[in-house]
Protein backbone atom coordinates (compact mmCIF):
# COMPACT_ATOMS: atom_id res chain seq x y z
CA MET A 1 6.91 52.05 13.76
CA GLU A 2 5.06 53.22 10.76
CA LEU A 3 2.23 51.07 8.91
CA SER A 4 2.15 50.58 5.63
CA ARG A 5 -0.98 48.92 3.08
CA ARG A 6 0.92 45.67 2.75
CA THR A 7 1.82 45.73 6.50
CA MET A 8 -1.83 46.14 7.58
CA LEU A 9 -2.75 44.03 5.09
CA LYS A 10 -1.20 41.19 6.75
CA THR A 11 -1.97 41.85 10.04
CA THR A 12 -5.37 41.80 9.32
CA MET A 13 -5.23 38.45 7.18
CA VAL A 14 -3.01 37.18 10.22
CA LEU A 15 -5.54 37.96 12.66
CA LEU A 16 -8.98 36.61 10.41
CA THR A 17 -7.05 33.71 9.70
CA ALA A 18 -6.60 33.26 13.49
CA LEU A 19 -10.06 34.44 14.22
CA VAL A 20 -11.39 31.97 12.07
CA ALA A 21 -9.28 28.64 13.39
CA GLY A 22 -9.92 29.69 17.08
CA GLY A 23 -14.34 29.68 15.91
CA TRP A 24 -13.55 26.81 14.05
CA THR A 25 -12.18 24.89 16.82
CA TRP A 26 -14.73 26.46 19.50
CA LEU A 27 -17.52 25.59 17.66
CA ARG A 28 -15.98 21.79 17.15
CA ALA A 29 -15.70 21.60 21.15
CA THR A 30 -18.59 22.09 21.97
CA PRO A 31 -20.72 19.18 23.08
CA ALA A 32 -24.44 18.48 21.48
CA ARG A 33 -26.94 19.79 22.98
CA TRP A 34 -29.35 16.69 22.28
CA VAL A 35 -28.33 13.26 22.06
CA GLN A 36 -30.94 10.49 21.43
CA ALA A 37 -30.53 6.22 22.51
CA VAL A 38 -31.03 4.14 20.35
CA ARG A 39 -32.15 1.01 21.66
CA ALA A 40 -29.49 -1.92 20.78
CA GLY A 41 -30.64 -4.54 18.12
CA ARG A 42 -28.74 -7.33 20.62
CA TYR A 43 -26.98 -8.00 23.57
CA PRO A 44 -23.41 -7.54 22.63
CA GLY A 45 -22.15 -10.25 25.12
CA ARG A 46 -22.25 -13.68 25.69
CA ILE A 47 -25.33 -15.01 27.44
CA LYS A 48 -25.14 -17.37 30.53
CA PRO A 49 -27.73 -19.10 32.15
CA LEU A 50 -28.57 -18.41 35.93
CA ASP A 51 -27.18 -20.43 38.38
CA GLU A 52 -29.52 -20.11 41.92
CA ARG A 53 -26.31 -21.27 43.56
CA GLU A 54 -23.53 -18.79 42.35
CA LEU A 55 -26.14 -16.07 43.59
CA GLN A 56 -26.17 -17.64 46.90
CA ARG A 57 -22.26 -17.31 47.28
CA PRO A 58 -20.45 -14.28 48.25
CA GLY A 59 -18.87 -12.13 45.66
CA ARG A 60 -15.14 -12.38 44.43
CA TRP A 61 -14.31 -9.17 45.19
CA LEU A 62 -15.45 -9.44 49.24
CA GLY A 63 -12.49 -8.99 51.00
């Protein structure tokens, strides 16, 4: 198989494009090294008053 200048340039461009796309995907797939926890501004759900009788009963999923 003879390798002309045009074929060499096409092959080089295809390989470079594949390397750049693969490198970009690899960089995006790596997890972040540092994650900072931020305190929530408020509780996201409803807050119900504490019921002492509810605490003393067995749970629904006890079996």
